[in-house]
Amino acid sequence: MSPDPGSSVRIVIQCVYPHDFSLPMYVLAFYPGPKNLPCHSEKFLSAEKLILRLKAAIPGFDETLVVHPPGTTEIIFAQTMKLSDAQREALAWVD
């Protein structure tokens, strides 16, 4: 069996400051296919937990890409990547 080449998925990370919470929350969303409708999203209460999940699934993921100015709500990462089935499973996202 040949390795799974993966399929293109748009990965977006947004840093959000909820009104009732002084610390940021990170939303990791996947947008597969031409319609770019979110297929899956997950919330993380710390950048460290988000980065650990990303590094476990995507070897060599550059954690400096998710650094942002404190106190701002914004998209801090958006990139199209090819993810294998194993990588999607490691991110806890399966179609």
Protein backbone atom coordinates (compact mmCIF):
# COMPACT_ATOMS: atom_id res chain seq x y z
CA MET A 1 0.00 0.00 0.00
CA SER A 2 1.39 3.41 -0.95
CA PRO A 3 1.51 6.30 1.52
CA ASP A 4 -1.54 8.54 1.69
CA PRO A 5 -0.62 11.69 -0.30
CA GLY A 6 -3.21 13.72 1.57
CA SER A 7 -5.73 16.22 0.39
CA SER A 8 -5.60 20.00 0.44
CA VAL A 9 -7.14 21.59 3.49
CA ARG A 10 -7.20 25.24 4.48
CA ILE A 11 -6.18 25.59 8.12
CA VAL A 12 -7.13 28.78 9.93
CA ILE A 13 -6.27 29.76 13.50
CA GLN A 14 -8.08 32.65 15.11
CA CYS A 15 -7.25 34.22 18.44
CA VAL A 16 -10.39 35.36 20.21
CA TYR A 17 -10.83 37.28 23.44
CA PRO A 18 -14.29 36.35 24.76
CA HIS A 19 -16.08 39.15 26.62
CA ASP A 20 -16.29 37.20 29.88
CA PHE A 21 -12.74 35.83 29.75
CA SER A 22 -9.56 37.89 30.01
CA LEU A 23 -7.29 35.29 28.40
CA PRO A 24 -7.34 34.44 24.69
CA MET A 25 -8.96 31.37 23.22
CA TYR A 26 -7.67 29.84 20.00
CA VAL A 27 -9.99 28.43 17.36
CA LEU A 28 -8.50 25.94 14.92
CA ALA A 29 -10.69 25.50 11.84
CA PHE A 30 -10.36 23.35 8.72
CA TYR A 31 -11.84 24.38 5.39
CA PRO A 32 -11.70 21.54 2.85
CA GLY A 33 -12.87 21.63 -0.73
CA PRO A 34 -13.85 24.38 -3.15
CA LYS A 35 -16.75 25.75 -1.09
CA ASN A 36 -14.49 26.45 1.90
CA LEU A 37 -17.23 25.59 4.36
CA PRO A 38 -15.87 24.72 7.81
CA CYS A 39 -15.81 21.00 8.27
CA HIS A 40 -14.39 21.06 11.75
CA SER A 41 -13.29 23.51 14.39
CA GLU A 42 -11.88 23.10 17.85
CA LYS A 43 -11.19 25.55 20.66
CA PHE A 44 -8.03 25.67 22.75
CA LEU A 45 -7.62 27.64 25.96
CA SER A 46 -3.88 28.06 25.47
CA ALA A 47 -1.50 28.56 22.60
CA GLU A 48 0.74 25.87 24.10
CA LYS A 49 -1.97 23.18 23.80
CA LEU A 50 -2.76 24.27 20.26
CA ILE A 51 0.90 24.17 19.25
CA LEU A 52 1.40 20.74 20.83
CA ARG A 53 -1.52 19.38 18.80
CA LEU A 54 -0.25 20.97 15.59
CA LYS A 55 3.31 19.72 16.07
CA ALA A 56 2.06 16.19 16.83
CA ALA A 57 0.11 16.15 13.58
CA ILE A 58 2.36 18.23 11.33
CA PRO A 59 6.05 17.55 11.96
CA GLY A 60 8.12 20.67 11.59
CA PHE A 61 5.19 23.04 12.12
CA ASP A 62 6.68 26.46 12.85
CA GLU A 63 5.17 27.62 16.13
CA THR A 64 6.29 31.20 15.51
CA LEU A 65 3.52 31.44 12.92
CA VAL A 66 0.88 31.60 15.68
CA VAL A 67 2.38 34.47 17.67
CA HIS A 68 0.22 37.58 17.81
CA PRO A 69 -0.01 40.92 19.60
CA PRO A 70 -1.68 40.55 23.00
CA GLY A 71 -5.22 41.81 23.41
CA THR A 72 -6.26 41.53 19.78
CA THR A 73 -8.85 39.28 18.19
CA GLU A 74 -7.63 38.27 14.75
CA ILE A 75 -6.77 35.47 12.37
CA ILE A 76 -3.19 34.59 13.24
CA PHE A 77 -2.60 31.78 10.75
CA ALA A 78 -4.18 30.76 7.45
CA GLN A 79 -2.55 28.32 5.08
CA THR A 80 -3.51 25.54 2.68
CA MET A 81 -1.74 22.28 3.46
CA LYS A 82 -1.92 18.69 2.35
CA LEU A 83 -2.88 16.50 5.29
CA SER A 84 -2.85 12.73 5.28
CA ASP A 85 -5.54 10.70 7.01
CA ALA A 86 -3.07 10.09 9.87
CA GLN A 87 -2.45 13.82 10.26
CA ARG A 88 -6.17 14.59 10.31
CA GLU A 89 -6.64 11.90 12.96
CA ALA A 90 -3.82 13.41 15.02
CA LEU A 91 -5.68 16.73 14.86
CA ALA A 92 -8.86 14.86 15.91
CA TRP A 93 -10.52 15.72 12.62
CA VAL A 94 -11.86 13.06 10.28
CA ASP A 95 -14.41 13.60 7.47
